[in-house]
Amino acid sequence: MLDEKLRYLKDVVSLQLNREKCIGCGLCTTVCPHAVFDLVDGKARLIDRNRCMECGACARNCPTAAITVHPGVGCASAIVHSWLTGKEPSCDCGGGSDCC
């Protein structure tokens, strides 16, 4: 069973996979930090889109552009940036009650 702690908000992620374009190289399975992908019948498959944190590593590494995602959107990006820089997360939403 997949770790439920790695899930973010349900059904809001921008991640899309076009299996027809996929050549089965497996790079997405290697670079995804939350194991969103696996390979089935020689092609990538989404295991759980809701685990995606929209970092964009899969799309940047896909040689056939079979994966699209809008990296850097939302608070997941801000949280990852804070881990990397050691600074407080800022999702540039003005700090109101709807922010991270």
PDB file of N, CA and C in Angstrom:
ATOM      1  N   MET A   1       0.840  -1.185   0.000  1.00  0.00           N
ATOM      2  CA  MET A   1       0.000   0.000   0.000  1.00  0.00           C
ATOM      3  C   MET A   1       0.885   1.248   0.000  1.00  0.00           C
ATOM      4  N   LEU A   2       0.511   2.213  -0.786  1.00  0.00           N
ATOM      5  CA  LEU A   2       1.281   3.455  -0.892  1.00  0.00           C
ATOM      6  C   LEU A   2       1.066   4.328   0.328  1.00  0.00           C
ATOM      7  N   ASP A   3       2.087   5.053   0.700  1.00  0.00           N
ATOM      8  CA  ASP A   3       2.051   5.922   1.866  1.00  0.00           C
ATOM      9  C   ASP A   3       1.100   7.097   1.623  1.00  0.00           C
ATOM     10  N   GLU A   4       0.028   7.158   2.376  1.00  0.00           N
ATOM     11  CA  GLU A   4      -0.974   8.216   2.228  1.00  0.00           C
ATOM     12  C   GLU A   4      -0.424   9.591   2.609  1.00  0.00           C
ATOM     13  N   LYS A   5       0.679   9.648   3.386  1.00  0.00           N
ATOM     14  CA  LYS A   5       1.262  10.926   3.779  1.00  0.00           C
ATOM     15  C   LYS A   5       1.826  11.686   2.590  1.00  0.00           C
ATOM     16  N   LEU A   6       2.104  10.992   1.496  1.00  0.00           N
ATOM     17  CA  LEU A   6       2.673  11.638   0.326  1.00  0.00           C
ATOM     18  C   LEU A   6       1.604  12.262  -0.565  1.00  0.00           C
ATOM     19  N   ARG A   7       0.353  12.149  -0.214  1.00  0.00           N
ATOM     20  CA  ARG A   7      -0.723  12.712  -1.024  1.00  0.00           C
ATOM     21  C   ARG A   7      -0.964  14.157  -0.615  1.00  0.00           C
ATOM     22  N   TYR A   8      -1.336  14.958  -1.601  1.00  0.00           N
ATOM     23  CA  TYR A   8      -1.619  16.362  -1.352  1.00  0.00           C
ATOM     24  C   TYR A   8      -3.126  16.568  -1.465  1.00  0.00           C
ATOM     25  N   LEU A   9      -3.573  17.535  -2.188  1.00  0.00           N
ATOM     26  CA  LEU A   9      -4.998  17.764  -2.374  1.00  0.00           C
ATOM     27  C   LEU A   9      -5.530  16.845  -3.467  1.00  0.00           C
ATOM     28  N   LYS A  10      -6.702  16.304  -3.271  1.00  0.00           N
ATOM     29  CA  LYS A  10      -7.266  15.340  -4.205  1.00  0.00           C
ATOM     30  C   LYS A  10      -7.742  16.010  -5.496  1.00  0.00           C
ATOM     31  N   ASP A  11      -7.345  15.419  -6.606  1.00  0.00           N
ATOM     32  CA  ASP A  11      -7.814  15.787  -7.945  1.00  0.00           C
ATOM     33  C   ASP A  11      -7.558  17.236  -8.347  1.00  0.00           C
ATOM     34  N   VAL A  12      -6.435  17.810  -7.938  1.00  0.00           N
ATOM     35  CA  VAL A  12      -6.087  19.164  -8.372  1.00  0.00           C
ATOM     36  C   VAL A  12      -4.759  19.230  -9.120  1.00  0.00           C
ATOM     37  N   VAL A  13      -4.011  18.158  -9.136  1.00  0.00           N
ATOM     38  CA  VAL A  13      -2.692  18.152  -9.760  1.00  0.00           C
ATOM     39  C   VAL A  13      -2.807  18.326 -11.278  1.00  0.00           C
ATOM     40  N   SER A  14      -1.845  19.016 -11.852  1.00  0.00           N
ATOM     41  CA  SER A  14      -1.850  19.299 -13.292  1.00  0.00           C
ATOM     42  C   SER A  14      -1.188  18.191 -14.116  1.00  0.00           C
ATOM     43  N   LEU A  15      -0.675  17.161 -13.490  1.00  0.00           N
ATOM     44  CA  LEU A  15       0.047  16.080 -14.159  1.00  0.00           C
ATOM     45  C   LEU A  15      -0.831  15.335 -15.165  1.00  0.00           C
ATOM     46  N   GLN A  16      -0.293  15.169 -16.382  1.00  0.00           N
ATOM     47  CA  GLN A  16      -0.963  14.398 -17.428  1.00  0.00           C
ATOM     48  C   GLN A  16       0.056  13.484 -18.093  1.00  0.00           C
ATOM     49  N   LEU A  17      -0.374  12.285 -18.467  1.00  0.00           N
ATOM     50  CA  LEU A  17       0.478  11.325 -19.163  1.00  0.00           C
ATOM     51  C   LEU A  17      -0.222  10.881 -20.441  1.00  0.00           C
ATOM     52  N   ASN A  18       0.487  10.981 -21.556  1.00  0.00           N
ATOM     53  CA  ASN A  18      -0.003  10.503 -22.842  1.00  0.00           C
ATOM     54  C   ASN A  18       0.717   9.190 -23.131  1.00  0.00           C
ATOM     55  N   ARG A  19       0.061   8.065 -22.854  1.00  0.00           N
ATOM     56  CA  ARG A  19       0.704   6.753 -23.006  1.00  0.00           C
ATOM     57  C   ARG A  19       1.043   6.439 -24.461  1.00  0.00           C
ATOM     58  N   GLU A  20       0.343   7.055 -25.408  1.00  0.00           N
ATOM     59  CA  GLU A  20       0.642   6.817 -26.819  1.00  0.00           C
ATOM     60  C   GLU A  20       2.021   7.364 -27.192  1.00  0.00           C
ATOM     61  N   LYS A  21       2.432   8.461 -26.571  1.00  0.00           N
ATOM     62  CA  LYS A  21       3.749   9.047 -26.839  1.00  0.00           C
ATOM     63  C   LYS A  21       4.866   8.343 -26.072  1.00  0.00           C
ATOM     64  N   CYS A  22       4.525   7.634 -25.015  1.00  0.00           N
ATOM     65  CA  CYS A  22       5.516   7.010 -24.140  1.00  0.00           C
ATOM     66  C   CYS A  22       6.285   5.919 -24.880  1.00  0.00           C
ATOM     67  N   ILE A  23       7.624   5.919 -24.706  1.00  0.00           N
ATOM     68  CA  ILE A  23       8.470   4.889 -25.309  1.00  0.00           C
ATOM     69  C   ILE A  23       8.973   3.886 -24.268  1.00  0.00           C
ATOM     70  N   GLY A  24       8.550   4.051 -23.016  1.00  0.00           N
ATOM     71  CA  GLY A  24       8.912   3.098 -21.973  1.00  0.00           C
ATOM     72  C   GLY A  24      10.338   3.181 -21.475  1.00  0.00           C
ATOM     73  N   CYS A  25      10.949   4.351 -21.569  1.00  0.00           N
ATOM     74  CA  CYS A  25      12.347   4.499 -21.132  1.00  0.00           C
ATOM     75  C   CYS A  25      12.504   4.381 -19.614  1.00  0.00           C
ATOM     76  N   GLY A  26      11.452   4.696 -18.870  1.00  0.00           N
ATOM     77  CA  GLY A  26      11.496   4.562 -17.415  1.00  0.00           C
ATOM     78  C   GLY A  26      12.104   5.728 -16.666  1.00  0.00           C
ATOM     79  N   LEU A  27      12.493   6.789 -17.355  1.00  0.00           N
ATOM     80  CA  LEU A  27      13.089   7.931 -16.657  1.00  0.00           C
ATOM     81  C   LEU A  27      12.124   8.534 -15.637  1.00  0.00           C
ATOM     82  N   CYS A  28      10.846   8.551 -15.960  1.00  0.00           N
ATOM     83  CA  CYS A  28       9.869   9.117 -15.017  1.00  0.00           C
ATOM     84  C   CYS A  28       9.848   8.334 -13.709  1.00  0.00           C
ATOM     85  N   THR A  29       9.994   7.021 -13.791  1.00  0.00           N
ATOM     86  CA  THR A  29       9.995   6.211 -12.572  1.00  0.00           C
ATOM     87  C   THR A  29      11.257   6.451 -11.756  1.00  0.00           C
ATOM     88  N   THR A  30      12.336   6.816 -12.428  1.00  0.00           N
ATOM     89  CA  THR A  30      13.605   7.067 -11.749  1.00  0.00           C
ATOM     90  C   THR A  30      13.628   8.423 -11.058  1.00  0.00           C
ATOM     91  N   VAL A  31      13.117   9.461 -11.726  1.00  0.00           N
ATOM     92  CA  VAL A  31      13.257  10.819 -11.198  1.00  0.00           C
ATOM     93  C   VAL A  31      12.113  11.256 -10.285  1.00  0.00           C
ATOM     94  N   CYS A  32      10.993  10.575 -10.303  1.00  0.00           N
ATOM     95  CA  CYS A  32       9.849  10.999  -9.486  1.00  0.00           C
ATOM     96  C   CYS A  32      10.102  10.716  -8.001  1.00  0.00           C
ATOM     97  N   PRO A  33      10.110  11.767  -7.158  1.00  0.00           N
ATOM     98  CA  PRO A  33      10.402  11.552  -5.740  1.00  0.00           C
ATOM     99  C   PRO A  33       9.264  10.885  -4.968  1.00  0.00           C
ATOM    100  N   HIS A  34       8.066  10.811  -5.549  1.00  0.00           N
ATOM    101  CA  HIS A  34       6.926  10.219  -4.844  1.00  0.00           C
ATOM    102  C   HIS A  34       6.386   8.968  -5.525  1.00  0.00           C
ATOM    103  N   ALA A  35       7.173   8.385  -6.412  1.00  0.00           N
ATOM    104  CA  ALA A  35       6.804   7.126  -7.069  1.00  0.00           C
ATOM    105  C   ALA A  35       5.398   7.177  -7.662  1.00  0.00           C
ATOM    106  N   VAL A  36       5.135   8.217  -8.440  1.00  0.00           N
ATOM    107  CA  VAL A  36       3.832   8.389  -9.072  1.00  0.00           C
ATOM    108  C   VAL A  36       3.674   7.440 -10.262  1.00  0.00           C
ATOM    109  N   PHE A  37       4.798   7.019 -10.869  1.00  0.00           N
ATOM    110  CA  PHE A  37       4.775   6.204 -12.087  1.00  0.00           C
ATOM    111  C   PHE A  37       5.302   4.801 -11.849  1.00  0.00           C
ATOM    112  N   ASP A  38       4.847   3.878 -12.704  1.00  0.00           N
ATOM    113  CA  ASP A  38       5.511   2.598 -12.866  1.00  0.00           C
ATOM    114  C   ASP A  38       5.409   2.230 -14.339  1.00  0.00           C
ATOM    115  N   LEU A  39       6.063   1.155 -14.731  1.00  0.00           N
ATOM    116  CA  LEU A  39       6.014   0.704 -16.119  1.00  0.00           C
ATOM    117  C   LEU A  39       5.148  -0.541 -16.210  1.00  0.00           C
ATOM    118  N   VAL A  40       4.201  -0.519 -17.135  1.00  0.00           N
ATOM    119  CA  VAL A  40       3.312  -1.653 -17.371  1.00  0.00           C
ATOM    120  C   VAL A  40       3.248  -1.877 -18.878  1.00  0.00           C
ATOM    121  N   ASP A  41       3.510  -3.086 -19.283  1.00  0.00           N
ATOM    122  CA  ASP A  41       3.484  -3.438 -20.707  1.00  0.00           C
ATOM    123  C   ASP A  41       4.368  -2.510 -21.541  1.00  0.00           C
ATOM    124  N   GLY A  42       5.523  -2.143 -20.996  1.00  0.00           N
ATOM    125  CA  GLY A  42       6.485  -1.341 -21.725  1.00  0.00           C
ATOM    126  C   GLY A  42       6.160   0.135 -21.844  1.00  0.00           C
ATOM    127  N   LYS A  43       5.219   0.613 -21.031  1.00  0.00           N
ATOM    128  CA  LYS A  43       4.851   2.035 -21.059  1.00  0.00           C
ATOM    129  C   LYS A  43       4.648   2.529 -19.626  1.00  0.00           C
ATOM    130  N   ALA A  44       4.863   3.834 -19.437  1.00  0.00           N
ATOM    131  CA  ALA A  44       4.633   4.432 -18.122  1.00  0.00           C
ATOM    132  C   ALA A  44       3.140   4.411 -17.803  1.00  0.00           C
ATOM    133  N   ARG A  45       2.852   4.321 -16.518  1.00  0.00           N
ATOM    134  CA  ARG A  45       1.475   4.357 -16.036  1.00  0.00           C
ATOM    135  C   ARG A  45       1.465   5.173 -14.753  1.00  0.00           C
ATOM    136  N   LEU A  46       0.413   5.964 -14.564  1.00  0.00           N
ATOM    137  CA  LEU A  46       0.257   6.716 -13.326  1.00  0.00           C
ATOM    138  C   LEU A  46      -0.293   5.781 -12.258  1.00  0.00           C
ATOM    139  N   ILE A  47       0.423   5.687 -11.151  1.00  0.00           N
ATOM    140  CA  ILE A  47      -0.048   4.874 -10.036  1.00  0.00           C
ATOM    141  C   ILE A  47      -1.077   5.667  -9.230  1.00  0.00           C
ATOM    142  N   ASP A  48      -0.720   6.910  -8.911  1.00  0.00           N
ATOM    143  CA  ASP A  48      -1.590   7.755  -8.092  1.00  0.00           C
ATOM    144  C   ASP A  48      -1.243   9.211  -8.370  1.00  0.00           C
ATOM    145  N   ARG A  49      -2.015   9.867  -9.223  1.00  0.00           N
ATOM    146  CA  ARG A  49      -1.768  11.272  -9.586  1.00  0.00           C
ATOM    147  C   ARG A  49      -1.735  12.170  -8.356  1.00  0.00           C
ATOM    148  N   ASN A  50      -2.512  11.865  -7.346  1.00  0.00           N
ATOM    149  CA  ASN A  50      -2.621  12.728  -6.181  1.00  0.00           C
ATOM    150  C   ASN A  50      -1.354  12.743  -5.323  1.00  0.00           C
ATOM    151  N   ARG A  51      -0.420  11.854  -5.594  1.00  0.00           N
ATOM    152  CA  ARG A  51       0.874  11.880  -4.892  1.00  0.00           C
ATOM    153  C   ARG A  51       1.823  12.885  -5.523  1.00  0.00           C
ATOM    154  N   CYS A  52       1.510  13.353  -6.715  1.00  0.00           N
ATOM    155  CA  CYS A  52       2.378  14.276  -7.446  1.00  0.00           C
ATOM    156  C   CYS A  52       2.482  15.613  -6.716  1.00  0.00           C
ATOM    157  N   MET A  53       3.716  16.117  -6.562  1.00  0.00           N
ATOM    158  CA  MET A  53       3.922  17.414  -5.931  1.00  0.00           C
ATOM    159  C   MET A  53       4.266  18.484  -6.964  1.00  0.00           C
ATOM    160  N   GLU A  54       4.090  18.138  -8.240  1.00  0.00           N
ATOM    161  CA  GLU A  54       4.284  19.061  -9.353  1.00  0.00           C
ATOM    162  C   GLU A  54       5.690  19.664  -9.396  1.00  0.00           C
ATOM    163  N   CYS A  55       6.682  18.847  -9.099  1.00  0.00           N
ATOM    164  CA  CYS A  55       8.058  19.335  -9.158  1.00  0.00           C
ATOM    165  C   CYS A  55       8.543  19.480 -10.598  1.00  0.00           C
ATOM    166  N   GLY A  56       7.966  18.700 -11.515  1.00  0.00           N
ATOM    167  CA  GLY A  56       8.307  18.799 -12.930  1.00  0.00           C
ATOM    168  C   GLY A  56       9.454  17.914 -13.387  1.00  0.00           C
ATOM    169  N   ALA A  57      10.046  17.139 -12.492  1.00  0.00           N
ATOM    170  CA  ALA A  57      11.187  16.303 -12.883  1.00  0.00           C
ATOM    171  C   ALA A  57      10.814  15.311 -13.979  1.00  0.00           C
ATOM    172  N   CYS A  58       9.646  14.738 -13.899  1.00  0.00           N
ATOM    173  CA  CYS A  58       9.230  13.749 -14.902  1.00  0.00           C
ATOM    174  C   CYS A  58       9.110  14.381 -16.285  1.00  0.00           C
ATOM    175  N   ALA A  59       8.443  15.508 -16.362  1.00  0.00           N
ATOM    176  CA  ALA A  59       8.239  16.176 -17.649  1.00  0.00           C
ATOM    177  C   ALA A  59       9.559  16.666 -18.239  1.00  0.00           C
ATOM    178  N   ARG A  60      10.453  17.195 -17.400  1.00  0.00           N
ATOM    179  CA  ARG A  60      11.739  17.687 -17.885  1.00  0.00           C
ATOM    180  C   ARG A  60      12.621  16.559 -18.411  1.00  0.00           C
ATOM    181  N   ASN A  61      12.425  15.362 -17.911  1.00  0.00           N
ATOM    182  CA  ASN A  61      13.269  14.235 -18.313  1.00  0.00           C
ATOM    183  C   ASN A  61      12.630  13.326 -19.360  1.00  0.00           C
ATOM    184  N   CYS A  62      11.391  13.556 -19.713  1.00  0.00           N
ATOM    185  CA  CYS A  62      10.706  12.705 -20.695  1.00  0.00           C
ATOM    186  C   CYS A  62      11.174  13.069 -22.108  1.00  0.00           C
ATOM    187  N   PRO A  63      11.820  12.129 -22.806  1.00  0.00           N
ATOM    188  CA  PRO A  63      12.371  12.453 -24.126  1.00  0.00           C
ATOM    189  C   PRO A  63      11.316  12.625 -25.225  1.00  0.00           C
ATOM    190  N   THR A  64      10.084  12.201 -24.982  1.00  0.00           N
ATOM    191  CA  THR A  64       9.049  12.299 -26.013  1.00  0.00           C
ATOM    192  C   THR A  64       7.930  13.270 -25.652  1.00  0.00           C
ATOM    193  N   ALA A  65       8.097  14.004 -24.567  1.00  0.00           N
ATOM    194  CA  ALA A  65       7.068  14.948 -24.086  1.00  0.00           C
ATOM    195  C   ALA A  65       5.726  14.256 -23.858  1.00  0.00           C
ATOM    196  N   ALA A  66       5.780  13.023 -23.366  1.00  0.00           N
ATOM    197  CA  ALA A  66       4.559  12.282 -23.058  1.00  0.00           C
ATOM    198  C   ALA A  66       3.949  12.731 -21.733  1.00  0.00           C
ATOM    199  N   ILE A  67       4.724  13.474 -20.952  1.00  0.00           N
ATOM    200  CA  ILE A  67       4.270  13.927 -19.633  1.00  0.00           C
ATOM    201  C   ILE A  67       4.211  15.439 -19.621  1.00  0.00           C
ATOM    202  N   THR A  68       3.117  15.963 -19.111  1.00  0.00           N
ATOM    203  CA  THR A  68       3.008  17.404 -18.902  1.00  0.00           C
ATOM    204  C   THR A  68       2.598  17.655 -17.463  1.00  0.00           C
ATOM    205  N   VAL A  69       3.159  18.708 -16.921  1.00  0.00           N
ATOM    206  CA  VAL A  69       2.823  19.140 -15.569  1.00  0.00           C
ATOM    207  C   VAL A  69       3.233  20.601 -15.480  1.00  0.00           C
ATOM    208  N   HIS A  70       2.539  21.354 -14.689  1.00  0.00           N
ATOM    209  CA  HIS A  70       2.859  22.762 -14.522  1.00  0.00           C
ATOM    210  C   HIS A  70       3.653  22.915 -13.222  1.00  0.00           C
ATOM    211  N   PRO A  71       4.986  22.711 -13.287  1.00  0.00           N
ATOM    212  CA  PRO A  71       5.799  22.795 -12.083  1.00  0.00           C
ATOM    213  C   PRO A  71       5.845  24.211 -11.547  1.00  0.00           C
ATOM    214  N   GLY A  72       6.029  24.278 -10.248  1.00  0.00           N
ATOM    215  CA  GLY A  72       6.167  25.576  -9.611  1.00  0.00           C
ATOM    216  C   GLY A  72       4.854  26.230  -9.258  1.00  0.00           C
ATOM    217  N   VAL A  73       3.762  25.505  -9.383  1.00  0.00           N
ATOM    218  CA  VAL A  73       2.474  26.077  -9.012  1.00  0.00           C
ATOM    219  C   VAL A  73       2.102  25.590  -7.622  1.00  0.00           C
ATOM    220  N   GLY A  74       1.409  26.424  -6.902  1.00  0.00           N
ATOM    221  CA  GLY A  74       0.888  26.009  -5.609  1.00  0.00           C
ATOM    222  C   GLY A  74       1.920  25.892  -4.519  1.00  0.00           C
ATOM    223  N   CYS A  75       1.457  25.447  -3.392  1.00  0.00           N
ATOM    224  CA  CYS A  75       2.274  25.407  -2.189  1.00  0.00           C
ATOM    225  C   CYS A  75       3.263  24.251  -2.153  1.00  0.00           C
ATOM    226  N   ALA A  76       3.029  23.190  -2.927  1.00  0.00           N
ATOM    227  CA  ALA A  76       3.987  22.081  -2.929  1.00  0.00           C
ATOM    228  C   ALA A  76       5.355  22.573  -3.373  1.00  0.00           C
ATOM    229  N   SER A  77       5.377  23.405  -4.394  1.00  0.00           N
ATOM    230  CA  SER A  77       6.644  23.956  -4.870  1.00  0.00           C
ATOM    231  C   SER A  77       7.305  24.806  -3.787  1.00  0.00           C
ATOM    232  N   ALA A  78       6.509  25.592  -3.092  1.00  0.00           N
ATOM    233  CA  ALA A  78       7.051  26.441  -2.027  1.00  0.00           C
ATOM    234  C   ALA A  78       7.657  25.607  -0.905  1.00  0.00           C
ATOM    235  N   ILE A  79       7.028  24.511  -0.578  1.00  0.00           N
ATOM    236  CA  ILE A  79       7.528  23.641   0.486  1.00  0.00           C
ATOM    237  C   ILE A  79       8.845  23.001   0.070  1.00  0.00           C
ATOM    238  N   VAL A  80       8.915  22.495  -1.154  1.00  0.00           N
ATOM    239  CA  VAL A  80      10.155  21.892  -1.643  1.00  0.00           C
ATOM    240  C   VAL A  80      11.265  22.935  -1.669  1.00  0.00           C
ATOM    241  N   HIS A  81      10.967  24.131  -2.150  1.00  0.00           N
ATOM    242  CA  HIS A  81      11.963  25.197  -2.183  1.00  0.00           C
ATOM    243  C   HIS A  81      12.472  25.500  -0.764  1.00  0.00           C
ATOM    244  N   SER A  82      11.572  25.489   0.209  1.00  0.00           N
ATOM    245  CA  SER A  82      11.993  25.766   1.584  1.00  0.00           C
ATOM    246  C   SER A  82      12.905  24.668   2.115  1.00  0.00           C
ATOM    247  N   TRP A  83      12.644  23.417   1.737  1.00  0.00           N
ATOM    248  CA  TRP A  83      13.521  22.317   2.148  1.00  0.00           C
ATOM    249  C   TRP A  83      14.919  22.516   1.569  1.00  0.00           C
ATOM    250  N   LEU A  84      14.974  22.952   0.326  1.00  0.00           N
ATOM    251  CA  LEU A  84      16.265  23.104  -0.353  1.00  0.00           C
ATOM    252  C   LEU A  84      17.052  24.313   0.135  1.00  0.00           C
ATOM    253  N   THR A  85      16.354  25.381   0.504  1.00  0.00           N
ATOM    254  CA  THR A  85      17.027  26.616   0.897  1.00  0.00           C
ATOM    255  C   THR A  85      17.115  26.813   2.403  1.00  0.00           C
ATOM    256  N   GLY A  86      16.302  26.074   3.157  1.00  0.00           N
ATOM    257  CA  GLY A  86      16.270  26.242   4.599  1.00  0.00           C
ATOM    258  C   GLY A  86      15.478  27.457   5.039  1.00  0.00           C
ATOM    259  N   LYS A  87      14.774  28.098   4.105  1.00  0.00           N
ATOM    260  CA  LYS A  87      13.960  29.271   4.418  1.00  0.00           C
ATOM    261  C   LYS A  87      12.513  28.870   4.629  1.00  0.00           C
ATOM    262  N   GLU A  88      11.727  29.768   5.194  1.00  0.00           N
ATOM    263  CA  GLU A  88      10.301  29.524   5.384  1.00  0.00           C
ATOM    264  C   GLU A  88       9.602  29.427   4.035  1.00  0.00           C
ATOM    265  N   PRO A  89       8.602  28.533   3.910  1.00  0.00           N
ATOM    266  CA  PRO A  89       7.869  28.428   2.645  1.00  0.00           C
ATOM    267  C   PRO A  89       7.121  29.709   2.315  1.00  0.00           C
ATOM    268  N   SER A  90       7.133  30.080   1.052  1.00  0.00           N
ATOM    269  CA  SER A  90       6.356  31.212   0.578  1.00  0.00           C
ATOM    270  C   SER A  90       5.785  30.851  -0.783  1.00  0.00           C
ATOM    271  N   CYS A  91       4.461  30.762  -0.858  1.00  0.00           N
ATOM    272  CA  CYS A  91       3.849  30.412  -2.130  1.00  0.00           C
ATOM    273  C   CYS A  91       3.390  31.659  -2.870  1.00  0.00           C
ATOM    274  N   ASP A  92       3.858  32.827  -2.422  1.00  0.00           N
ATOM    275  CA  ASP A  92       3.584  34.106  -3.098  1.00  0.00           C
ATOM    276  C   ASP A  92       2.108  34.378  -3.259  1.00  0.00           C
ATOM    277  N   CYS A  93       1.327  33.988  -2.283  1.00  0.00           N
ATOM    278  CA  CYS A  93      -0.104  34.243  -2.383  1.00  0.00           C
ATOM    279  C   CYS A  93      -0.526  35.361  -1.430  1.00  0.00           C
ATOM    280  N   GLY A  94       0.419  36.099  -0.926  1.00  0.00           N
ATOM    281  CA  GLY A  94       0.114  37.244  -0.091  1.00  0.00           C
ATOM    282  C   GLY A  94      -0.038  36.941   1.381  1.00  0.00           C
ATOM    283  N   GLY A  95       0.073  35.661   1.780  1.00  0.00           N
ATOM    284  CA  GLY A  95       0.046  35.316   3.192  1.00  0.00           C
ATOM    285  C   GLY A  95      -1.313  35.352   3.836  1.00  0.00           C
ATOM    286  N   GLY A  96      -2.366  35.395   3.050  1.00  0.00           N
ATOM    287  CA  GLY A  96      -3.714  35.402   3.608  1.00  0.00           C
ATOM    288  C   GLY A  96      -4.119  34.042   4.137  1.00  0.00           C
ATOM    289  N   SER A  97      -5.342  33.927   4.582  1.00  0.00           N
ATOM    290  CA  SER A  97      -5.806  32.683   5.189  1.00  0.00           C
ATOM    291  C   SER A  97      -5.890  31.547   4.171  1.00  0.00           C
ATOM    292  N   ASP A  98      -5.929  31.855   2.870  1.00  0.00           N
ATOM    293  CA  ASP A  98      -5.978  30.822   1.846  1.00  0.00           C
ATOM    294  C   ASP A  98      -4.600  30.342   1.434  1.00  0.00           C
ATOM    295  N   CYS A  99      -3.560  30.905   2.037  1.00  0.00           N
ATOM    296  CA  CYS A  99      -2.190  30.528   1.687  1.00  0.00           C
ATOM    297  C   CYS A  99      -1.811  29.240   2.399  1.00  0.00           C
ATOM    298  N   CYS A 100      -0.615  28.735   2.085  1.00  0.00           N
ATOM    299  CA  CYS A 100      -0.102  27.510   2.682  1.00  0.00           C
ATOM    300  C   CYS A 100      -0.398  27.473   4.154  1.00  0.00           C
TER     301      CYS A 100
END
